[in-house]
Structure formats: structure tokens, C-alpha cells
Amino acid sequence: MGGESLRDLILVKPGLKDQTAILTLNKPPVNALYIDLFDEISKALDIIEEINEIRVVIITGGERVFSAGMDLKAVGQATPEEMLSLMEIGYNFFQRMEKYPKPTIAAVRGFALGGGGLGLALACDLRVAGENAVFGIPESRLGFPLLWGVTSLYLRTVNRGLGIDLLLTGRNITAQEAFQINLVKSVVPDHKVLDEALKLANQIINNLPAFAAKEIKAVLYEASRETDPRKVFDIENKHAYEILNQINLKSWLKEYLRKK
């Protein structure tokens, strides 16, 4: 994985003794999302999923732009058929991101805008922002809602009362405002963003058993779409059973208590 690239749109390098993969968006000037970048991120994630040693994935961008959102230049030249294809590809991409079995962290510096940039950050499990990061939904100014199913991600992260602000005003917010409305987990100096993301990854690696991440994330994905408590209970039990099939519970508990 060391330094390997996929058509140079995504740069992949290891961190934390190869237990973390760092994916850096590399589509100048603003890391705009379109079919090409969706495809490259997906390919990188597929490769990483098969590498057992990698426990956490960090996605980051440039110093001034994480991602400015949808590639409007490409969209302006697309046929109606290509636009329909883009919508479907985008939806499948964000579903894939949310269901990805390994923990993901967005390390955001600069602008993270719209269903592309903000959406990509939201599709990660955790988000760390630099103090000069900027978040917003410029689609509103164009007269469009969030696309690709990102509205669901957005409203499951931010409550409706706070979330409706950005959707209706189209204004951008600072990293501190993003922290206040639960868009990001923490805000640090810009030059510390990747260090903070690696620190968070290290906590996950040290505290979460390798076999557990996939099942825990699956419970969160499935349960977040249910309102019936019994169905949520059944989801929990289904994935707990999957874990019990992977370990000897008695021995595992004994070892856990010994370490404590």
C-alpha cells in the first residue's frame, strides 16, 4: 500500500504501523466529486477491505479544500442520461461508505461543501476538522436539495431544527459552528488535523477488537433506519450472534477481565 495510487485521483499511504490507511483526495483544484472520483475512492476502499492488517481508514483532502462538492463543470456538460447515471452512482457510493465494515474518519481542512464534500465527510463514521474548515450546502443557492441520499445522512447527524438552517439559508458555517451542531467530533489547529485523526484511529485500534467493527457498524446502519424497538433488538441479537460464532465467549471474557 505504501504510496500506491489509483490513476492519481486518490493517494493511498499507510499510517500507524500499517494499521491505518490514509486516502488523500487528489483531484485539483477543488477535489470535485464526479463519476471518476466516486470510482477511485470505491476501488481504494475495496482494496483496503481485503487487507486484514488495516483496521481504520482516514479520508482527507488538501490544505485549503477537502472537497468543494459536485463537479459542476462536468455536470454542465452531462446529458440527461449521464445525470441519471451520476445520481445512481452517487447514491450507491454513499450507501457503500456508510456500510463500509472498517471504521472511517474524515480529516477535514478547508472547504467541505455540498452533497459531495460535506456528504463525503458525513459518510465517514467520525469527523475531525481544522479550525479554518468551512462547511456548507451551496445546492440550496442553486435551488436544489441535497442529492445522492445525503439528506438522510445529514439529518441523522444533525437534528432537524439545526439542520434546516443550512438547507434553507445556503450559508456556510465555521468549524466551531459545525462542532456545536454535531457535524464534527473535534476542532484542532489545521496542521494538527491528520495527527488528531491518527490519534483517534489509534484509540479505535487499541480499544475495539478487530472482529467487532464490522458487526457494530452493521448494527448502527440497520438500527438507524428502524423505529420499532423490537426490530432494533432483533438486529442487535443477529449481529451479536455473528460475533459469538467468531469467539469463545468464556475465554474471551476471562482474558478481558485479566487485562483490566
C-alpha atoms as a PDB file:
ATOM      1  CA  MET A   1       0.000   0.000   0.000  1.00  0.00           C
ATOM      2  CA  GLY A   2       2.947   2.304   0.519  1.00  0.00           C
ATOM      3  CA  GLY A   3       2.458   5.313  -1.747  1.00  0.00           C
ATOM      4  CA  GLU A   4       0.339   3.411  -4.276  1.00  0.00           C
ATOM      5  CA  SER A   5      -2.069   5.465  -6.377  1.00  0.00           C
ATOM      6  CA  LEU A   6      -5.155   4.770  -8.444  1.00  0.00           C
ATOM      7  CA  ARG A   7      -4.982   6.987 -11.539  1.00  0.00           C
ATOM      8  CA  ASP A   8      -3.563   9.593  -9.130  1.00  0.00           C
ATOM      9  CA  LEU A   9      -7.056  10.804  -8.106  1.00  0.00           C
ATOM     10  CA  ILE A  10      -6.600   9.058  -4.759  1.00  0.00           C
ATOM     11  CA  LEU A  11      -3.271   8.776  -2.986  1.00  0.00           C
ATOM     12  CA  VAL A  12      -3.036   5.913  -0.512  1.00  0.00           C
ATOM     13  CA  LYS A  13      -0.412   5.607   2.171  1.00  0.00           C
ATOM     14  CA  PRO A  14      -0.095   3.740   5.468  1.00  0.00           C
ATOM     15  CA  GLY A  15      -0.106   5.162   8.981  1.00  0.00           C
ATOM     16  CA  LEU A  16       0.225   3.721  12.495  1.00  0.00           C
ATOM     17  CA  LYS A  17       2.443   0.788  11.536  1.00  0.00           C
ATOM     18  CA  ASP A  18       0.264  -0.029   8.516  1.00  0.00           C
ATOM     19  CA  GLN A  19      -2.889  -0.485  10.627  1.00  0.00           C
ATOM     20  CA  THR A  20      -4.404   2.695   9.194  1.00  0.00           C
ATOM     21  CA  ALA A  21      -4.795   3.647   5.548  1.00  0.00           C
ATOM     22  CA  ILE A  22      -4.791   7.347   4.667  1.00  0.00           C
ATOM     23  CA  LEU A  23      -6.696   8.208   1.485  1.00  0.00           C
ATOM     24  CA  THR A  24      -5.936  11.681   0.161  1.00  0.00           C
ATOM     25  CA  LEU A  25      -8.222  13.159  -2.496  1.00  0.00           C
ATOM     26  CA  ASN A  26      -6.034  14.395  -5.318  1.00  0.00           C
ATOM     27  CA  LYS A  27      -8.226  15.973  -7.993  1.00  0.00           C
ATOM     28  CA  PRO A  28      -7.117  19.625  -8.302  1.00  0.00           C
ATOM     29  CA  PRO A  29      -8.150  22.275  -7.927  1.00  0.00           C
ATOM     30  CA  VAL A  30     -11.021  21.501  -5.503  1.00  0.00           C
ATOM     31  CA  ASN A  31     -11.426  17.697  -5.306  1.00  0.00           C
ATOM     32  CA  ALA A  32     -14.821  17.942  -7.004  1.00  0.00           C
ATOM     33  CA  LEU A  33     -16.808  14.705  -6.931  1.00  0.00           C
ATOM     34  CA  TYR A  34     -17.968  13.106 -10.132  1.00  0.00           C
ATOM     35  CA  ILE A  35     -18.069   9.563 -11.507  1.00  0.00           C
ATOM     36  CA  ASP A  36     -14.273   9.388 -11.779  1.00  0.00           C
ATOM     37  CA  LEU A  37     -13.620  10.234  -8.122  1.00  0.00           C
ATOM     38  CA  PHE A  38     -16.505   8.087  -6.855  1.00  0.00           C
ATOM     39  CA  ASP A  39     -14.967   5.209  -8.797  1.00  0.00           C
ATOM     40  CA  GLU A  40     -11.446   5.743  -7.495  1.00  0.00           C
ATOM     41  CA  ILE A  41     -12.472   6.050  -3.849  1.00  0.00           C
ATOM     42  CA  SER A  42     -14.566   2.889  -4.206  1.00  0.00           C
ATOM     43  CA  LYS A  43     -11.653   0.973  -5.724  1.00  0.00           C
ATOM     44  CA  ALA A  44      -9.340   2.080  -2.930  1.00  0.00           C
ATOM     45  CA  LEU A  45     -11.861   1.016  -0.291  1.00  0.00           C
ATOM     46  CA  ASP A  46     -12.303  -2.367  -1.989  1.00  0.00           C
ATOM     47  CA  ILE A  47      -8.548  -2.954  -1.901  1.00  0.00           C
ATOM     48  CA  ILE A  48      -8.280  -1.908   1.740  1.00  0.00           C
ATOM     49  CA  GLU A  49     -11.224  -4.059   2.811  1.00  0.00           C
ATOM     50  CA  GLU A  50      -9.280  -7.156   1.809  1.00  0.00           C
ATOM     51  CA  ILE A  51      -6.206  -6.221   3.871  1.00  0.00           C
ATOM     52  CA  ASN A  52      -6.821  -7.571   7.375  1.00  0.00           C
ATOM     53  CA  GLU A  53      -3.949  -5.616   8.894  1.00  0.00           C
ATOM     54  CA  ILE A  54      -5.631  -2.297   8.074  1.00  0.00           C
ATOM     55  CA  ARG A  55      -8.123  -1.508  10.839  1.00  0.00           C
ATOM     56  CA  VAL A  56      -9.092   2.129  10.167  1.00  0.00           C
ATOM     57  CA  VAL A  57      -9.393   4.338   7.060  1.00  0.00           C
ATOM     58  CA  ILE A  58      -8.754   8.090   7.148  1.00  0.00           C
ATOM     59  CA  ILE A  59     -10.004  10.219   4.249  1.00  0.00           C
ATOM     60  CA  THR A  60      -8.527  13.678   3.800  1.00  0.00           C
ATOM     61  CA  GLY A  61      -8.042  16.295   1.093  1.00  0.00           C
ATOM     62  CA  GLY A  62      -5.873  19.330   0.507  1.00  0.00           C
ATOM     63  CA  GLU A  63      -4.840  22.047   2.926  1.00  0.00           C
ATOM     64  CA  ARG A  64      -7.415  24.514   1.592  1.00  0.00           C
ATOM     65  CA  VAL A  65     -10.108  22.189   0.229  1.00  0.00           C
ATOM     66  CA  PHE A  66     -11.341  18.849   1.489  1.00  0.00           C
ATOM     67  CA  SER A  67     -13.871  18.743  -1.342  1.00  0.00           C
ATOM     68  CA  ALA A  68     -15.901  21.590  -2.831  1.00  0.00           C
ATOM     69  CA  GLY A  69     -18.703  19.196  -3.749  1.00  0.00           C
ATOM     70  CA  MET A  70     -20.133  18.106  -7.063  1.00  0.00           C
ATOM     71  CA  ASP A  71     -18.093  18.723 -10.203  1.00  0.00           C
ATOM     72  CA  LEU A  72     -20.333  21.441 -11.671  1.00  0.00           C
ATOM     73  CA  LYS A  73     -18.220  21.806 -14.807  1.00  0.00           C
ATOM     74  CA  ALA A  74     -18.722  18.130 -15.644  1.00  0.00           C
ATOM     75  CA  VAL A  75     -22.401  18.290 -14.669  1.00  0.00           C
ATOM     76  CA  GLY A  76     -22.926  21.241 -17.017  1.00  0.00           C
ATOM     77  CA  GLN A  77     -21.708  19.121 -19.938  1.00  0.00           C
ATOM     78  CA  ALA A  78     -23.581  15.943 -18.983  1.00  0.00           C
ATOM     79  CA  THR A  79     -26.529  14.547 -20.939  1.00  0.00           C
ATOM     80  CA  PRO A  80     -29.768  13.741 -19.068  1.00  0.00           C
ATOM     81  CA  GLU A  81     -28.841  10.049 -19.236  1.00  0.00           C
ATOM     82  CA  GLU A  82     -25.415  10.769 -17.735  1.00  0.00           C
ATOM     83  CA  MET A  83     -27.038  12.775 -14.953  1.00  0.00           C
ATOM     84  CA  LEU A  84     -29.351   9.878 -14.086  1.00  0.00           C
ATOM     85  CA  SER A  85     -26.331   7.586 -14.024  1.00  0.00           C
ATOM     86  CA  LEU A  86     -24.448  10.045 -11.796  1.00  0.00           C
ATOM     87  CA  MET A  87     -27.334  10.148  -9.302  1.00  0.00           C
ATOM     88  CA  GLU A  88     -27.432   6.364  -9.083  1.00  0.00           C
ATOM     89  CA  ILE A  89     -23.639   6.050  -8.794  1.00  0.00           C
ATOM     90  CA  GLY A  90     -23.572   8.720  -6.091  1.00  0.00           C
ATOM     91  CA  TYR A  91     -26.333   7.047  -4.104  1.00  0.00           C
ATOM     92  CA  ASN A  92     -24.625   3.645  -4.283  1.00  0.00           C
ATOM     93  CA  PHE A  93     -21.326   5.233  -3.304  1.00  0.00           C
ATOM     94  CA  PHE A  94     -22.673   6.858  -0.146  1.00  0.00           C
ATOM     95  CA  GLN A  95     -24.526   3.699   0.839  1.00  0.00           C
ATOM     96  CA  ARG A  96     -21.272   1.795   0.392  1.00  0.00           C
ATOM     97  CA  MET A  97     -19.408   4.332   2.507  1.00  0.00           C
ATOM     98  CA  GLU A  98     -21.923   4.154   5.341  1.00  0.00           C
ATOM     99  CA  LYS A  99     -21.956   0.341   5.320  1.00  0.00           C
ATOM    100  CA  TYR A 100     -18.177   0.017   4.973  1.00  0.00           C
ATOM    101  CA  PRO A 101     -17.054  -2.605   7.527  1.00  0.00           C
ATOM    102  CA  LYS A 102     -13.969  -0.749   8.772  1.00  0.00           C
ATOM    103  CA  PRO A 103     -14.157   2.476  10.826  1.00  0.00           C
ATOM    104  CA  THR A 104     -13.649   5.613   8.738  1.00  0.00           C
ATOM    105  CA  ILE A 105     -12.505   9.072   9.805  1.00  0.00           C
ATOM    106  CA  ALA A 106     -12.748  12.283   7.769  1.00  0.00           C
ATOM    107  CA  ALA A 107      -9.826  14.645   8.411  1.00  0.00           C
ATOM    108  CA  VAL A 108     -11.169  17.944   7.086  1.00  0.00           C
ATOM    109  CA  ARG A 109      -9.148  21.041   6.258  1.00  0.00           C
ATOM    110  CA  GLY A 110     -10.558  23.902   4.238  1.00  0.00           C
ATOM    111  CA  PHE A 111     -13.877  23.689   2.421  1.00  0.00           C
ATOM    112  CA  ALA A 112     -16.228  20.694   2.706  1.00  0.00           C
ATOM    113  CA  LEU A 113     -19.266  21.704   0.720  1.00  0.00           C
ATOM    114  CA  GLY A 114     -22.485  20.191  -0.547  1.00  0.00           C
ATOM    115  CA  GLY A 115     -23.608  16.652  -1.107  1.00  0.00           C
ATOM    116  CA  GLY A 116     -20.117  15.875  -2.381  1.00  0.00           C
ATOM    117  CA  GLY A 117     -17.745  17.424   0.148  1.00  0.00           C
ATOM    118  CA  LEU A 118     -19.940  17.627   3.214  1.00  0.00           C
ATOM    119  CA  GLY A 119     -21.580  14.357   2.176  1.00  0.00           C
ATOM    120  CA  LEU A 120     -18.249  12.556   1.998  1.00  0.00           C
ATOM    121  CA  ALA A 121     -17.355  13.784   5.477  1.00  0.00           C
ATOM    122  CA  LEU A 122     -20.776  12.755   6.802  1.00  0.00           C
ATOM    123  CA  ALA A 123     -20.449   9.298   5.250  1.00  0.00           C
ATOM    124  CA  CYS A 124     -17.388   8.711   7.433  1.00  0.00           C
ATOM    125  CA  ASP A 125     -18.033   7.442  10.944  1.00  0.00           C
ATOM    126  CA  LEU A 126     -16.115  10.264  12.643  1.00  0.00           C
ATOM    127  CA  ARG A 127     -15.017  13.737  11.573  1.00  0.00           C
ATOM    128  CA  VAL A 128     -12.084  15.874  12.727  1.00  0.00           C
ATOM    129  CA  ALA A 129     -11.925  19.465  11.473  1.00  0.00           C
ATOM    130  CA  GLY A 130      -9.209  22.073  11.248  1.00  0.00           C
ATOM    131  CA  GLU A 131     -10.021  25.394  12.883  1.00  0.00           C
ATOM    132  CA  ASN A 132     -10.311  27.091   9.468  1.00  0.00           C
ATOM    133  CA  ALA A 133     -12.536  24.420   7.924  1.00  0.00           C
ATOM    134  CA  VAL A 134     -15.760  25.622   6.284  1.00  0.00           C
ATOM    135  CA  PHE A 135     -18.947  23.598   5.829  1.00  0.00           C
ATOM    136  CA  GLY A 136     -21.994  24.418   3.741  1.00  0.00           C
ATOM    137  CA  ILE A 137     -24.696  23.279   1.334  1.00  0.00           C
ATOM    138  CA  PRO A 138     -24.437  25.505  -1.765  1.00  0.00           C
ATOM    139  CA  GLU A 139     -27.016  23.354  -3.598  1.00  0.00           C
ATOM    140  CA  SER A 140     -29.634  25.447  -1.799  1.00  0.00           C
ATOM    141  CA  ARG A 141     -28.424  28.560  -3.602  1.00  0.00           C
ATOM    142  CA  LEU A 142     -28.878  26.744  -6.910  1.00  0.00           C
ATOM    143  CA  GLY A 143     -32.390  25.743  -5.888  1.00  0.00           C
ATOM    144  CA  PHE A 144     -31.629  22.054  -5.323  1.00  0.00           C
ATOM    145  CA  PRO A 145     -31.893  19.796  -2.271  1.00  0.00           C
ATOM    146  CA  LEU A 146     -29.031  17.600  -1.164  1.00  0.00           C
ATOM    147  CA  LEU A 147     -28.688  14.690  -3.594  1.00  0.00           C
ATOM    148  CA  TRP A 148     -27.438  11.091  -3.579  1.00  0.00           C
ATOM    149  CA  GLY A 149     -29.353  10.241  -0.394  1.00  0.00           C
ATOM    150  CA  VAL A 150     -27.080  12.553   1.615  1.00  0.00           C
ATOM    151  CA  THR A 151     -30.132  14.218   3.201  1.00  0.00           C
ATOM    152  CA  SER A 152     -30.629  11.042   5.233  1.00  0.00           C
ATOM    153  CA  LEU A 153     -27.022  11.110   6.417  1.00  0.00           C
ATOM    154  CA  TYR A 154     -27.292  14.806   7.238  1.00  0.00           C
ATOM    155  CA  LEU A 155     -30.472  14.578   9.297  1.00  0.00           C
ATOM    156  CA  ARG A 156     -29.222  11.536  11.204  1.00  0.00           C
ATOM    157  CA  THR A 157     -26.161  13.563  12.232  1.00  0.00           C
ATOM    158  CA  VAL A 158     -27.735  16.964  12.891  1.00  0.00           C
ATOM    159  CA  ASN A 159     -31.217  17.388  14.354  1.00  0.00           C
ATOM    160  CA  ARG A 160     -33.825  18.909  12.054  1.00  0.00           C
ATOM    161  CA  GLY A 161     -34.052  22.210  13.910  1.00  0.00           C
ATOM    162  CA  LEU A 162     -30.359  22.918  13.392  1.00  0.00           C
ATOM    163  CA  GLY A 163     -30.043  21.183  10.054  1.00  0.00           C
ATOM    164  CA  ILE A 164     -32.810  23.146   8.355  1.00  0.00           C
ATOM    165  CA  ASP A 165     -30.742  26.333   8.783  1.00  0.00           C
ATOM    166  CA  LEU A 166     -28.062  25.375   6.265  1.00  0.00           C
ATOM    167  CA  LEU A 167     -30.590  23.814   3.904  1.00  0.00           C
ATOM    168  CA  LEU A 168     -32.733  26.934   3.706  1.00  0.00           C
ATOM    169  CA  THR A 169     -30.175  29.722   4.015  1.00  0.00           C
ATOM    170  CA  GLY A 170     -27.399  28.198   1.918  1.00  0.00           C
ATOM    171  CA  ARG A 171     -24.886  29.824   4.251  1.00  0.00           C
ATOM    172  CA  ASN A 172     -21.500  28.415   5.155  1.00  0.00           C
ATOM    173  CA  ILE A 173     -20.500  27.731   8.746  1.00  0.00           C
ATOM    174  CA  THR A 174     -17.180  27.625  10.581  1.00  0.00           C
ATOM    175  CA  ALA A 175     -15.606  24.568  12.147  1.00  0.00           C
ATOM    176  CA  GLN A 176     -16.696  25.776  15.590  1.00  0.00           C
ATOM    177  CA  GLU A 177     -20.308  26.074  14.448  1.00  0.00           C
ATOM    178  CA  ALA A 178     -20.025  22.603  12.910  1.00  0.00           C
ATOM    179  CA  PHE A 179     -18.829  21.298  16.267  1.00  0.00           C
ATOM    180  CA  GLN A 180     -21.752  22.938  18.064  1.00  0.00           C
ATOM    181  CA  ILE A 181     -24.321  21.242  15.829  1.00  0.00           C
ATOM    182  CA  ASN A 182     -22.572  17.848  15.982  1.00  0.00           C
ATOM    183  CA  LEU A 183     -21.246  17.829  12.425  1.00  0.00           C
ATOM    184  CA  VAL A 184     -17.695  17.200  13.682  1.00  0.00           C
ATOM    185  CA  LYS A 185     -16.269  15.417  16.712  1.00  0.00           C
ATOM    186  CA  SER A 186     -13.433  17.854  17.362  1.00  0.00           C
ATOM    187  CA  VAL A 187     -11.754  21.021  16.073  1.00  0.00           C
ATOM    188  CA  VAL A 188      -7.970  21.398  16.152  1.00  0.00           C
ATOM    189  CA  PRO A 189      -5.364  23.684  14.543  1.00  0.00           C
ATOM    190  CA  ASP A 190      -5.193  22.996  10.815  1.00  0.00           C
ATOM    191  CA  HIS A 191      -1.709  21.491  10.958  1.00  0.00           C
ATOM    192  CA  LYS A 192      -2.862  19.044  13.648  1.00  0.00           C
ATOM    193  CA  VAL A 193      -5.854  17.600  11.774  1.00  0.00           C
ATOM    194  CA  LEU A 194      -4.158  14.467  10.482  1.00  0.00           C
ATOM    195  CA  ASP A 195      -2.398  13.911  13.820  1.00  0.00           C
ATOM    196  CA  GLU A 196      -5.772  14.126  15.581  1.00  0.00           C
ATOM    197  CA  ALA A 197      -7.325  11.683  13.119  1.00  0.00           C
ATOM    198  CA  LEU A 198      -4.434   9.254  13.658  1.00  0.00           C
ATOM    199  CA  LYS A 199      -4.821   9.632  17.425  1.00  0.00           C
ATOM    200  CA  LEU A 200      -8.495   8.761  17.096  1.00  0.00           C
ATOM    201  CA  ALA A 201      -7.653   5.813  14.863  1.00  0.00           C
ATOM    202  CA  ASN A 202      -5.178   4.610  17.474  1.00  0.00           C
ATOM    203  CA  GLN A 203      -7.898   4.684  20.150  1.00  0.00           C
ATOM    204  CA  ILE A 204     -10.123   2.563  17.931  1.00  0.00           C
ATOM    205  CA  ILE A 205      -7.334   0.090  17.189  1.00  0.00           C
ATOM    206  CA  ASN A 206      -6.340  -0.223  20.842  1.00  0.00           C
ATOM    207  CA  ASN A 207      -9.860  -0.489  22.277  1.00  0.00           C
ATOM    208  CA  LEU A 208     -12.040  -2.181  19.662  1.00  0.00           C
ATOM    209  CA  PRO A 209     -11.393  -5.872  18.905  1.00  0.00           C
ATOM    210  CA  ALA A 210     -10.628  -6.376  15.231  1.00  0.00           C
ATOM    211  CA  PHE A 211     -13.527  -8.782  14.732  1.00  0.00           C
ATOM    212  CA  ALA A 212     -16.104  -6.415  16.259  1.00  0.00           C
ATOM    213  CA  ALA A 213     -16.014  -3.348  13.998  1.00  0.00           C
ATOM    214  CA  LYS A 214     -17.934  -4.887  11.108  1.00  0.00           C
ATOM    215  CA  GLU A 215     -20.797  -6.126  13.292  1.00  0.00           C
ATOM    216  CA  ILE A 216     -21.028  -2.957  15.408  1.00  0.00           C
ATOM    217  CA  LYS A 217     -21.177  -0.799  12.291  1.00  0.00           C
ATOM    218  CA  ALA A 218     -23.803  -3.085  10.758  1.00  0.00           C
ATOM    219  CA  VAL A 219     -25.995  -2.709  13.856  1.00  0.00           C
ATOM    220  CA  LEU A 220     -25.706   1.080  13.652  1.00  0.00           C
ATOM    221  CA  TYR A 221     -26.535   1.123   9.952  1.00  0.00           C
ATOM    222  CA  GLU A 222     -29.569  -1.137  10.235  1.00  0.00           C
ATOM    223  CA  ALA A 223     -30.894   0.154  13.563  1.00  0.00           C
ATOM    224  CA  SER A 224     -30.725   3.813  12.477  1.00  0.00           C
ATOM    225  CA  ARG A 225     -33.390   3.036   9.896  1.00  0.00           C
ATOM    226  CA  GLU A 226     -35.797   1.380  12.352  1.00  0.00           C
ATOM    227  CA  THR A 227     -38.254   2.894  14.793  1.00  0.00           C
ATOM    228  CA  ASP A 228     -39.687  -0.346  16.194  1.00  0.00           C
ATOM    229  CA  PRO A 229     -37.735  -1.234  19.401  1.00  0.00           C
ATOM    230  CA  ARG A 230     -38.322  -4.952  18.875  1.00  0.00           C
ATOM    231  CA  LYS A 231     -36.835  -4.804  15.374  1.00  0.00           C
ATOM    232  CA  VAL A 232     -33.796  -2.950  16.746  1.00  0.00           C
ATOM    233  CA  PHE A 233     -33.494  -5.645  19.424  1.00  0.00           C
ATOM    234  CA  ASP A 234     -33.600  -8.334  16.734  1.00  0.00           C
ATOM    235  CA  ILE A 235     -30.900  -6.513  14.754  1.00  0.00           C
ATOM    236  CA  GLU A 236     -28.674  -6.361  17.852  1.00  0.00           C
ATOM    237  CA  ASN A 237     -29.183 -10.060  18.531  1.00  0.00           C
ATOM    238  CA  LYS A 238     -28.455 -11.038  14.929  1.00  0.00           C
ATOM    239  CA  HIS A 239     -25.079  -9.350  14.931  1.00  0.00           C
ATOM    240  CA  ALA A 240     -24.220 -10.392  18.496  1.00  0.00           C
ATOM    241  CA  TYR A 241     -24.782 -13.964  17.328  1.00  0.00           C
ATOM    242  CA  GLU A 242     -22.347 -13.372  14.467  1.00  0.00           C
ATOM    243  CA  ILE A 243     -19.737 -12.249  16.998  1.00  0.00           C
ATOM    244  CA  LEU A 244     -20.374 -15.256  19.253  1.00  0.00           C
ATOM    245  CA  ASN A 245     -19.666 -17.512  16.285  1.00  0.00           C
ATOM    246  CA  GLN A 246     -16.211 -15.961  15.990  1.00  0.00           C
ATOM    247  CA  ILE A 247     -15.038 -16.208  19.597  1.00  0.00           C
ATOM    248  CA  ASN A 248     -15.079 -18.471  22.633  1.00  0.00           C
ATOM    249  CA  LEU A 249     -17.052 -16.212  24.962  1.00  0.00           C
ATOM    250  CA  LYS A 250     -15.830 -17.747  28.204  1.00  0.00           C
ATOM    251  CA  SER A 251     -12.172 -17.488  27.217  1.00  0.00           C
ATOM    252  CA  TRP A 252     -12.648 -14.037  25.726  1.00  0.00           C
ATOM    253  CA  LEU A 253     -14.265 -12.657  28.905  1.00  0.00           C
ATOM    254  CA  LYS A 254     -11.614 -14.264  31.076  1.00  0.00           C
ATOM    255  CA  GLU A 255      -8.861 -12.614  29.011  1.00  0.00           C
ATOM    256  CA  TYR A 256     -10.680  -9.280  29.004  1.00  0.00           C
ATOM    257  CA  LEU A 257     -11.067  -9.275  32.795  1.00  0.00           C
ATOM    258  CA  ARG A 258      -7.438 -10.285  33.233  1.00  0.00           C
ATOM    259  CA  LYS A 259      -6.287  -7.277  31.223  1.00  0.00           C
ATOM    260  CA  LYS A 260      -8.475  -4.923  33.254  1.00  0.00           C
END
